N, C-alpha and C. Protein backbone atom coordinates (compact mmCIF):
# COMPACT_ATOMS: atom_id res chain seq x y z
N MET A 1 7.00 21.74 -4.55
CA MET A 1 7.48 20.50 -3.86
C MET A 1 6.98 19.42 -4.80
N LYS A 2 8.04 18.45 -5.06
CA LYS A 2 7.84 17.41 -5.88
C LYS A 2 7.35 16.07 -5.23
N ILE A 3 6.29 15.58 -5.67
CA ILE A 3 5.84 14.21 -4.97
C ILE A 3 5.88 13.26 -6.17
N ILE A 4 6.20 11.91 -5.75
CA ILE A 4 6.19 10.95 -6.72
C ILE A 4 5.35 9.80 -6.26
N ILE A 5 4.62 9.19 -7.01
CA ILE A 5 3.66 8.31 -6.67
C ILE A 5 3.91 6.96 -7.46
N VAL A 6 4.25 5.83 -6.77
CA VAL A 6 4.32 4.48 -7.43
C VAL A 6 3.38 3.54 -7.09
N ASP A 7 2.44 3.28 -8.00
CA ASP A 7 1.24 2.58 -7.70
C ASP A 7 0.78 1.85 -9.09
N ASP A 8 0.39 0.66 -9.22
CA ASP A 8 -0.13 -0.08 -10.41
C ASP A 8 -1.55 0.33 -10.86
N ASP A 9 -2.26 0.98 -9.97
CA ASP A 9 -3.64 1.45 -10.36
C ASP A 9 -3.53 2.90 -10.94
N ILE A 10 -3.59 2.80 -12.26
CA ILE A 10 -3.46 4.09 -12.99
C ILE A 10 -4.40 5.30 -12.62
N ASN A 11 -5.67 4.55 -12.53
CA ASN A 11 -6.73 5.64 -12.20
C ASN A 11 -6.47 6.23 -10.82
N PHE A 12 -5.88 5.56 -9.91
CA PHE A 12 -5.67 6.23 -8.52
C PHE A 12 -4.48 7.01 -8.71
N CYS A 13 -3.40 6.84 -9.59
CA CYS A 13 -2.47 7.65 -9.63
C CYS A 13 -2.96 9.09 -10.34
N GLU A 14 -3.74 9.00 -11.27
CA GLU A 14 -4.20 10.08 -12.24
C GLU A 14 -5.13 11.00 -11.12
N SER A 15 -5.85 10.39 -10.35
CA SER A 15 -6.75 11.06 -9.29
C SER A 15 -6.06 11.85 -8.39
N LEU A 16 -5.11 11.06 -7.74
CA LEU A 16 -4.29 11.66 -6.81
C LEU A 16 -3.37 12.96 -7.34
N SER A 17 -2.86 12.58 -8.55
CA SER A 17 -2.12 13.62 -9.40
C SER A 17 -2.73 14.80 -9.51
N LEU A 18 -4.20 14.82 -9.87
CA LEU A 18 -4.86 15.80 -10.17
C LEU A 18 -5.23 16.65 -8.85
N ASP A 19 -5.48 16.03 -7.60
CA ASP A 19 -5.57 16.64 -6.50
C ASP A 19 -4.30 17.43 -6.17
N PHE A 20 -3.19 16.81 -6.04
CA PHE A 20 -2.04 17.39 -5.78
C PHE A 20 -1.69 18.61 -6.70
N ASN A 21 -1.87 18.47 -7.80
CA ASN A 21 -1.57 19.48 -8.94
C ASN A 21 -2.56 20.80 -8.59
N ASP A 22 -3.75 20.51 -8.36
CA ASP A 22 -4.68 21.49 -7.83
C ASP A 22 -4.27 22.51 -6.70
N ASP A 23 -3.32 21.75 -5.90
CA ASP A 23 -2.99 22.42 -4.68
C ASP A 23 -1.50 22.85 -4.94
N GLY A 24 -0.91 22.74 -5.99
CA GLY A 24 0.15 23.54 -6.39
C GLY A 24 1.57 22.56 -6.38
N PHE A 25 1.30 21.27 -6.15
CA PHE A 25 2.32 20.33 -6.06
C PHE A 25 2.76 19.71 -7.48
N GLU A 26 4.02 19.56 -7.66
CA GLU A 26 4.56 18.98 -8.90
C GLU A 26 4.37 17.32 -8.60
N VAL A 27 3.67 16.71 -9.60
CA VAL A 27 3.54 15.22 -9.35
C VAL A 27 3.82 14.40 -10.66
N SER A 28 4.52 13.43 -10.45
CA SER A 28 4.71 12.15 -11.62
C SER A 28 4.65 11.02 -10.81
N TYR A 29 4.16 10.02 -11.74
CA TYR A 29 4.03 8.73 -11.24
C TYR A 29 4.34 7.50 -12.16
N TYR A 30 4.54 6.51 -11.47
CA TYR A 30 5.37 5.20 -12.01
C TYR A 30 4.40 4.07 -11.73
N ASN A 31 4.26 3.04 -12.54
CA ASN A 31 3.45 1.89 -12.33
C ASN A 31 4.13 0.69 -11.84
N THR A 32 5.55 0.92 -11.83
CA THR A 32 6.36 -0.29 -11.17
C THR A 32 7.60 0.43 -10.43
N VAL A 33 8.06 -0.38 -9.62
CA VAL A 33 9.14 0.00 -9.01
C VAL A 33 10.46 0.03 -9.97
N ALA A 34 10.52 -1.02 -10.62
CA ALA A 34 11.58 -0.92 -11.78
C ALA A 34 11.61 0.31 -12.57
N SER A 35 10.45 0.76 -13.23
CA SER A 35 10.53 1.99 -14.01
C SER A 35 11.03 3.16 -12.94
N PHE A 36 10.61 3.27 -11.85
CA PHE A 36 10.92 4.32 -10.84
C PHE A 36 12.36 4.21 -10.65
N LEU A 37 12.89 3.11 -10.39
CA LEU A 37 14.42 2.99 -10.06
C LEU A 37 15.17 3.44 -11.34
N LYS A 38 14.62 2.90 -12.45
CA LYS A 38 15.40 3.32 -13.65
C LYS A 38 15.57 4.76 -13.96
N ALA A 39 14.46 5.56 -13.61
CA ALA A 39 14.41 6.82 -14.00
C ALA A 39 15.10 7.58 -12.83
N ARG A 40 15.20 7.06 -11.61
CA ARG A 40 15.98 7.81 -10.35
C ARG A 40 15.50 9.29 -10.10
N PRO A 41 14.32 9.58 -10.14
CA PRO A 41 13.78 10.97 -9.96
C PRO A 41 14.15 11.42 -8.63
N ALA A 42 14.46 12.69 -8.54
CA ALA A 42 14.52 13.33 -7.11
C ALA A 42 12.96 13.82 -6.68
N CYS A 43 12.74 13.78 -5.43
CA CYS A 43 11.33 14.17 -4.92
C CYS A 43 11.48 14.63 -3.44
N HIS A 44 10.42 15.39 -2.90
CA HIS A 44 10.29 15.53 -1.58
C HIS A 44 9.69 14.30 -0.80
N SER A 45 8.60 13.83 -1.42
CA SER A 45 7.84 12.67 -0.82
C SER A 45 7.52 11.75 -1.97
N LEU A 46 7.48 10.44 -1.48
CA LEU A 46 7.28 9.42 -2.29
C LEU A 46 6.09 8.41 -1.89
N ILE A 47 5.09 8.23 -2.67
CA ILE A 47 3.83 7.46 -2.16
C ILE A 47 3.98 6.25 -2.91
N LEU A 48 4.17 5.16 -2.18
CA LEU A 48 4.59 3.98 -2.52
C LEU A 48 3.38 2.89 -2.16
N ASP A 49 2.78 2.09 -3.08
CA ASP A 49 1.90 1.16 -2.82
C ASP A 49 2.52 -0.12 -2.45
N LEU A 50 2.03 -0.78 -1.39
CA LEU A 50 2.60 -1.87 -1.00
C LEU A 50 2.67 -3.19 -1.81
N ARG A 51 1.58 -3.41 -2.64
CA ARG A 51 1.46 -4.52 -3.39
C ARG A 51 1.31 -3.83 -4.96
N LEU A 52 2.21 -4.17 -5.66
CA LEU A 52 2.27 -3.89 -7.01
C LEU A 52 2.17 -5.03 -8.17
N GLY A 53 0.83 -5.35 -8.45
CA GLY A 53 0.79 -6.51 -9.13
C GLY A 53 1.11 -7.79 -8.24
N THR A 54 2.16 -8.70 -8.74
CA THR A 54 2.56 -9.89 -7.92
C THR A 54 3.73 -9.37 -7.03
N GLU A 55 4.31 -8.25 -6.97
CA GLU A 55 5.46 -7.90 -6.21
C GLU A 55 4.91 -7.16 -4.95
N THR A 56 5.88 -7.25 -3.90
CA THR A 56 5.74 -6.46 -2.80
C THR A 56 6.85 -5.48 -2.76
N SER A 57 6.35 -4.10 -2.63
CA SER A 57 7.31 -3.12 -2.70
C SER A 57 8.28 -3.06 -1.55
N THR A 58 8.11 -3.78 -0.36
CA THR A 58 9.10 -3.63 0.73
C THR A 58 10.21 -4.48 0.12
N ASN A 59 10.16 -5.38 -0.71
CA ASN A 59 11.40 -6.07 -1.22
C ASN A 59 12.45 -4.90 -1.92
N PHE A 60 11.82 -3.90 -2.45
CA PHE A 60 12.64 -2.96 -2.97
C PHE A 60 13.00 -1.66 -2.05
N LEU A 61 12.50 -1.67 -0.80
CA LEU A 61 12.62 -0.39 -0.07
C LEU A 61 13.93 -0.14 0.17
N ALA A 62 14.86 -0.93 0.42
CA ALA A 62 16.45 -0.39 0.53
C ALA A 62 16.85 0.16 -0.68
N ASP A 63 16.57 -0.42 -1.84
CA ASP A 63 16.98 0.23 -3.00
C ASP A 63 16.34 1.56 -3.34
N ILE A 64 14.98 1.69 -3.00
CA ILE A 64 14.48 3.03 -3.11
C ILE A 64 14.92 3.92 -2.25
N ARG A 65 15.19 3.68 -0.98
CA ARG A 65 15.88 4.73 -0.04
C ARG A 65 17.18 5.18 -0.45
N LYS A 66 17.93 4.29 -1.21
CA LYS A 66 19.15 4.67 -1.69
C LYS A 66 19.17 5.67 -2.89
N VAL A 67 17.97 5.47 -3.67
CA VAL A 67 17.95 6.41 -4.84
C VAL A 67 17.30 7.72 -4.18
N VAL A 68 16.49 7.75 -3.35
CA VAL A 68 15.79 9.06 -3.05
C VAL A 68 16.58 9.72 -1.88
N GLY A 69 17.34 9.04 -1.18
CA GLY A 69 18.05 9.66 0.15
C GLY A 69 17.23 9.70 1.38
N SER A 70 17.97 9.96 2.36
CA SER A 70 17.17 9.93 3.60
C SER A 70 16.26 11.18 3.78
N GLU A 71 16.23 12.37 2.93
CA GLU A 71 15.57 13.40 3.20
C GLU A 71 14.09 13.34 2.73
N THR A 72 13.98 12.27 1.89
CA THR A 72 12.82 12.21 1.17
C THR A 72 11.75 11.31 1.95
N LYS A 73 10.74 11.77 2.04
CA LYS A 73 9.62 11.13 3.06
C LYS A 73 9.13 9.98 2.24
N ILE A 74 8.94 8.61 2.80
CA ILE A 74 8.42 7.52 1.98
C ILE A 74 7.11 7.23 2.74
N ILE A 75 5.97 7.33 2.00
CA ILE A 75 4.68 6.91 2.70
C ILE A 75 4.36 5.68 1.99
N MET A 76 4.05 4.61 2.76
CA MET A 76 3.40 3.41 2.19
C MET A 76 2.04 3.32 2.32
N LEU A 77 1.29 3.02 1.17
CA LEU A 77 -0.21 2.82 1.22
C LEU A 77 -0.51 1.37 0.73
N THR A 78 -1.55 0.84 1.38
CA THR A 78 -1.92 -0.32 1.08
C THR A 78 -3.41 -0.71 1.42
N GLY A 79 -3.95 -1.53 0.83
CA GLY A 79 -5.21 -2.05 1.19
C GLY A 79 -5.25 -3.43 1.97
N TYR A 80 -3.89 -3.83 2.19
CA TYR A 80 -3.84 -5.09 2.99
C TYR A 80 -2.99 -4.81 4.35
N GLY A 81 -3.51 -3.82 5.01
CA GLY A 81 -2.65 -3.37 6.08
C GLY A 81 -2.53 -4.59 7.23
N SER A 82 -1.47 -4.73 7.71
CA SER A 82 -1.24 -5.53 8.93
C SER A 82 -0.15 -5.13 9.79
N ILE A 83 -0.05 -5.51 10.99
CA ILE A 83 1.00 -5.22 12.01
C ILE A 83 2.19 -5.51 11.39
N SER A 84 2.41 -6.80 11.09
CA SER A 84 3.70 -7.30 10.55
C SER A 84 4.19 -6.55 9.22
N THR A 85 3.29 -6.27 8.33
CA THR A 85 3.80 -5.48 7.22
C THR A 85 4.31 -4.10 7.60
N THR A 86 3.51 -3.42 8.29
CA THR A 86 3.81 -2.09 8.96
C THR A 86 5.13 -2.15 9.52
N VAL A 87 5.43 -2.90 10.50
CA VAL A 87 6.60 -3.06 11.17
C VAL A 87 7.72 -3.36 10.14
N GLU A 88 7.62 -4.28 9.31
CA GLU A 88 8.68 -4.62 8.18
C GLU A 88 8.92 -3.30 7.34
N ALA A 89 7.84 -2.59 6.92
CA ALA A 89 8.12 -1.39 6.08
C ALA A 89 8.82 -0.26 6.85
N MET A 90 8.47 -0.13 8.14
CA MET A 90 9.24 0.84 8.95
C MET A 90 10.69 0.43 9.15
N LYS A 91 10.93 -0.71 9.53
CA LYS A 91 12.23 -1.04 9.56
C LYS A 91 13.03 -0.88 8.39
N LEU A 92 12.56 -1.09 7.20
CA LEU A 92 13.13 -1.11 5.93
C LEU A 92 13.29 0.34 5.44
N GLY A 93 12.83 1.37 6.10
CA GLY A 93 12.89 2.62 5.63
C GLY A 93 11.73 3.51 5.35
N ALA A 94 10.64 3.04 5.51
CA ALA A 94 9.08 3.77 5.24
C ALA A 94 9.11 4.78 6.36
N ASP A 95 8.65 5.91 6.18
CA ASP A 95 8.26 7.00 7.23
C ASP A 95 6.85 6.90 7.75
N ASP A 96 6.05 6.41 6.76
CA ASP A 96 4.56 6.41 7.28
C ASP A 96 3.95 5.15 6.59
N TYR A 97 2.87 4.68 7.15
CA TYR A 97 2.18 3.48 6.43
C TYR A 97 0.80 3.71 6.89
N LEU A 98 0.09 3.94 5.61
CA LEU A 98 -1.44 4.31 5.71
C LEU A 98 -2.27 3.21 4.86
N THR A 99 -3.59 2.95 5.26
CA THR A 99 -4.35 1.97 4.58
C THR A 99 -5.26 2.85 3.75
N LYS A 100 -5.42 1.99 2.53
CA LYS A 100 -6.50 2.51 1.59
C LYS A 100 -7.91 1.97 1.97
N PRO A 101 -8.97 2.81 1.63
CA PRO A 101 -8.89 3.93 0.87
C PRO A 101 -8.56 5.12 1.85
N ILE A 102 -7.89 6.17 1.23
CA ILE A 102 -7.29 7.16 2.07
C ILE A 102 -7.82 8.48 1.53
N LYS A 103 -8.29 9.26 2.44
CA LYS A 103 -8.73 10.75 2.27
C LYS A 103 -7.63 11.55 1.58
N TYR A 104 -7.81 12.38 0.52
CA TYR A 104 -6.61 13.16 -0.14
C TYR A 104 -6.17 14.07 1.21
N ASP A 105 -7.03 14.63 2.07
CA ASP A 105 -6.49 15.74 3.14
C ASP A 105 -5.58 14.86 3.98
N VAL A 106 -5.82 13.73 4.29
CA VAL A 106 -5.08 12.99 5.29
C VAL A 106 -3.65 12.96 4.62
N LEU A 107 -3.56 12.44 3.50
CA LEU A 107 -2.31 12.09 2.80
C LEU A 107 -1.40 13.60 2.59
N LYS A 108 -2.16 14.67 2.19
CA LYS A 108 -1.50 15.91 2.07
C LYS A 108 -1.07 16.30 3.40
N SER A 109 -1.89 16.06 4.59
CA SER A 109 -1.20 16.53 5.88
C SER A 109 -0.02 15.63 6.29
N LYS A 110 -0.06 14.35 5.79
CA LYS A 110 1.09 13.37 6.14
C LYS A 110 2.46 14.06 5.44
N ILE A 111 2.19 14.35 4.12
CA ILE A 111 3.31 15.01 3.39
C ILE A 111 3.80 16.39 3.91
N LEU A 112 2.95 17.19 4.17
CA LEU A 112 3.27 18.51 4.79
C LEU A 112 3.69 18.47 6.33
N ASP A 113 3.46 17.42 6.90
CA ASP A 113 3.68 17.17 8.42
C ASP A 113 2.77 17.98 9.25
N LEU A 114 1.60 18.15 8.70
CA LEU A 114 0.60 18.92 9.44
C LEU A 114 -0.28 17.99 10.50
N PRO A 115 -0.39 18.52 11.55
CA PRO A 115 -1.34 17.91 12.63
C PRO A 115 -2.89 17.96 11.91
N LEU A 116 -3.58 16.87 12.22
CA LEU A 116 -4.86 16.72 11.64
C LEU A 116 -5.87 17.23 12.55
N SER A 117 -6.76 17.99 12.17
CA SER A 117 -7.67 18.50 12.96
C SER A 117 -8.98 17.72 13.09
N PHE A 118 -8.91 16.59 12.69
CA PHE A 118 -10.14 15.61 12.58
C PHE A 118 -9.64 14.19 12.96
N LYS A 119 -10.61 13.43 13.43
CA LYS A 119 -10.31 12.19 13.57
C LYS A 119 -10.20 11.31 12.14
N GLN A 120 -9.41 10.43 11.95
CA GLN A 120 -9.14 9.63 10.66
C GLN A 120 -9.69 8.31 10.90
N ASP A 121 -10.60 8.07 9.93
CA ASP A 121 -10.98 6.60 9.83
C ASP A 121 -9.85 5.64 9.56
N ASN A 122 -8.68 6.18 8.85
CA ASN A 122 -7.67 5.19 8.60
C ASN A 122 -6.73 4.85 9.76
N ASP A 123 -6.92 5.66 10.86
CA ASP A 123 -6.14 5.35 11.84
C ASP A 123 -6.45 4.24 12.71
N GLU A 124 -7.62 3.63 12.58
CA GLU A 124 -8.14 2.55 13.28
C GLU A 124 -7.35 1.45 12.90
N ALA A 125 -7.01 0.39 13.68
CA ALA A 125 -6.35 -0.76 13.26
C ALA A 125 -7.40 -1.84 12.71
N LEU A 126 -6.76 -2.46 11.92
CA LEU A 126 -7.48 -3.48 11.28
C LEU A 126 -7.82 -4.66 12.30
N SER A 127 -9.03 -5.06 12.35
CA SER A 127 -9.43 -6.10 13.28
C SER A 127 -8.71 -7.33 12.73
N LEU A 128 -8.51 -8.37 13.61
CA LEU A 128 -7.82 -9.66 13.26
C LEU A 128 -8.57 -10.31 11.98
N ASP A 129 -9.98 -10.17 12.00
CA ASP A 129 -10.74 -10.80 10.94
C ASP A 129 -10.50 -9.96 9.67
N GLN A 130 -10.51 -8.72 9.77
CA GLN A 130 -10.18 -7.99 8.48
C GLN A 130 -8.83 -8.30 7.88
N ALA A 131 -7.90 -8.51 8.86
CA ALA A 131 -6.48 -8.61 8.40
C ALA A 131 -6.20 -10.13 7.69
N GLU A 132 -7.06 -11.05 8.54
CA GLU A 132 -7.00 -12.39 7.87
C GLU A 132 -7.68 -12.59 6.54
N ARG A 133 -8.95 -11.82 6.42
CA ARG A 133 -9.75 -11.95 5.29
C ARG A 133 -8.74 -11.26 4.17
N GLU A 134 -8.31 -10.14 4.34
CA GLU A 134 -7.47 -9.53 3.40
C GLU A 134 -6.27 -10.36 2.83
N HIS A 135 -5.68 -10.94 3.56
CA HIS A 135 -4.49 -11.93 3.55
C HIS A 135 -5.03 -13.03 2.71
N ILE A 136 -6.02 -13.74 3.07
CA ILE A 136 -6.76 -14.87 2.17
C ILE A 136 -7.10 -14.38 0.87
N GLU A 137 -7.67 -13.29 0.79
CA GLU A 137 -8.06 -12.85 -0.58
C GLU A 137 -6.90 -12.51 -1.41
N PHE A 138 -5.89 -12.00 -1.01
CA PHE A 138 -4.48 -11.71 -1.72
C PHE A 138 -3.98 -13.15 -2.22
N VAL A 139 -3.79 -14.15 -1.20
CA VAL A 139 -3.37 -15.35 -1.57
C VAL A 139 -4.18 -15.94 -2.57
N LEU A 140 -5.43 -16.10 -2.41
CA LEU A 140 -6.36 -16.71 -3.19
C LEU A 140 -6.35 -16.10 -4.68
N ASN A 141 -6.05 -14.81 -4.75
CA ASN A 141 -5.93 -13.84 -6.07
C ASN A 141 -4.77 -14.38 -6.78
N SER A 142 -3.68 -14.43 -5.83
CA SER A 142 -2.43 -14.96 -6.51
C SER A 142 -2.33 -16.42 -7.06
N CYS A 143 -3.24 -17.10 -6.57
CA CYS A 143 -3.37 -18.42 -7.04
C CYS A 143 -4.42 -18.54 -8.14
N GLN A 144 -4.93 -17.67 -8.68
CA GLN A 144 -6.06 -17.55 -9.49
C GLN A 144 -7.23 -18.36 -8.94
N GLY A 145 -7.59 -18.24 -7.73
CA GLY A 145 -8.82 -18.84 -7.26
C GLY A 145 -8.69 -20.21 -7.08
N ASN A 146 -7.35 -20.82 -7.12
CA ASN A 146 -7.30 -22.18 -6.78
C ASN A 146 -7.19 -22.60 -5.24
N ILE A 147 -8.27 -22.99 -4.77
CA ILE A 147 -8.46 -23.21 -3.25
C ILE A 147 -7.32 -24.06 -2.72
N THR A 148 -7.22 -25.22 -3.39
CA THR A 148 -6.10 -26.33 -3.00
C THR A 148 -4.85 -25.63 -2.89
N LYS A 149 -4.31 -25.10 -3.92
CA LYS A 149 -3.06 -24.38 -3.87
C LYS A 149 -2.87 -23.38 -2.63
N ALA A 150 -3.96 -22.45 -2.64
CA ALA A 150 -4.05 -21.40 -1.50
C ALA A 150 -3.93 -22.00 -0.19
N SER A 151 -4.77 -23.08 -0.06
CA SER A 151 -4.65 -23.63 1.31
C SER A 151 -3.27 -24.24 1.70
N LYS A 152 -2.65 -24.56 0.79
CA LYS A 152 -1.14 -24.97 0.98
C LYS A 152 -0.22 -23.90 1.30
N ILE A 153 -0.50 -22.81 0.56
CA ILE A 153 0.40 -21.54 0.89
C ILE A 153 0.07 -20.89 2.35
N LEU A 154 -1.13 -20.95 2.54
CA LEU A 154 -1.71 -20.51 3.78
C LEU A 154 -1.43 -21.49 4.99
N GLY A 155 -1.10 -22.67 4.67
CA GLY A 155 -0.80 -23.66 5.78
C GLY A 155 -2.01 -24.10 6.46
N ILE A 156 -3.27 -24.10 5.94
CA ILE A 156 -4.45 -24.51 6.63
C ILE A 156 -5.16 -25.75 5.75
N HIS A 157 -5.98 -26.57 6.31
CA HIS A 157 -6.59 -27.53 5.49
C HIS A 157 -7.59 -26.77 4.49
N ARG A 158 -7.75 -27.46 3.24
CA ARG A 158 -8.85 -26.91 2.39
C ARG A 158 -10.19 -26.66 2.87
N GLN A 159 -10.51 -27.48 3.77
CA GLN A 159 -11.90 -27.47 4.25
C GLN A 159 -11.92 -26.09 5.13
N SER A 160 -10.91 -25.89 5.86
CA SER A 160 -10.85 -24.83 6.74
C SER A 160 -10.92 -23.33 5.95
N LEU A 161 -10.17 -23.33 4.93
CA LEU A 161 -10.14 -22.33 4.06
C LEU A 161 -11.62 -22.32 3.50
N GLN A 162 -12.11 -23.04 2.99
CA GLN A 162 -13.57 -23.12 2.49
C GLN A 162 -14.59 -22.62 3.54
N ARG A 163 -14.55 -22.91 4.71
CA ARG A 163 -15.19 -22.48 5.86
C ARG A 163 -15.03 -20.93 6.03
N LYS A 164 -13.71 -20.54 5.99
CA LYS A 164 -13.45 -19.05 6.18
C LYS A 164 -14.04 -18.32 4.97
N LEU A 165 -13.74 -18.67 3.79
CA LEU A 165 -14.48 -18.08 2.47
C LEU A 165 -15.96 -18.05 2.74
N LYS A 166 -16.72 -19.04 3.27
CA LYS A 166 -18.17 -19.03 3.43
C LYS A 166 -18.34 -17.83 4.26
N LYS A 167 -17.69 -17.97 5.41
CA LYS A 167 -17.89 -16.85 6.54
C LYS A 167 -17.75 -15.22 5.87
N TYR A 168 -16.85 -15.20 5.10
CA TYR A 168 -16.53 -13.91 4.47
C TYR A 168 -17.40 -13.60 3.37
N SER A 169 -18.17 -14.63 2.78
CA SER A 169 -18.98 -14.12 1.68
C SER A 169 -20.07 -13.31 1.93
N PRO A 170 -20.57 -12.48 1.00
CA PRO A 170 -21.86 -11.74 1.35
C PRO A 170 -23.00 -12.32 1.60
N VAL A 171 -23.86 -11.90 2.43
CA VAL A 171 -25.06 -12.74 2.83
C VAL A 171 -25.97 -12.51 1.56
N LYS A 172 -26.82 -13.45 1.15
CA LYS A 172 -27.72 -13.28 0.02
C LYS A 172 -29.16 -13.49 0.62
């Protein structure tokens, strides 16, 4: 069974590849959607990271679905899970949507369509605070830490953003 991973985290790709190879799967990985689309490889399952650098892979999901066909299972992985991105990904052709960090056994079960015999930590929905924090961190990172620019993108006052950041900072 052929599995393809598209993720910009090379260590994650290599670690996951080793796990799948140990279980007899054939695995290859790409670090960008563009390199995957250019290669046009056939596979049984595609593991696709939601955020690849500054790109969001949902922007390419329709093209990806055309390349892999309807028989290929597309599993989206993200460290930035939210209801809106889950719904968007599913509408655009993803078959499943899981949050990182993810246990290898959970991912393998999803690929093999096996029922899980244990409760998954990953099935718990993100709280509103967690989703807000992850979104703020993503926007702030994309603005290279510029709070003024991030507050404009988020549509909130700079002081409100600073209060939220203070709330999220680790206690010293």
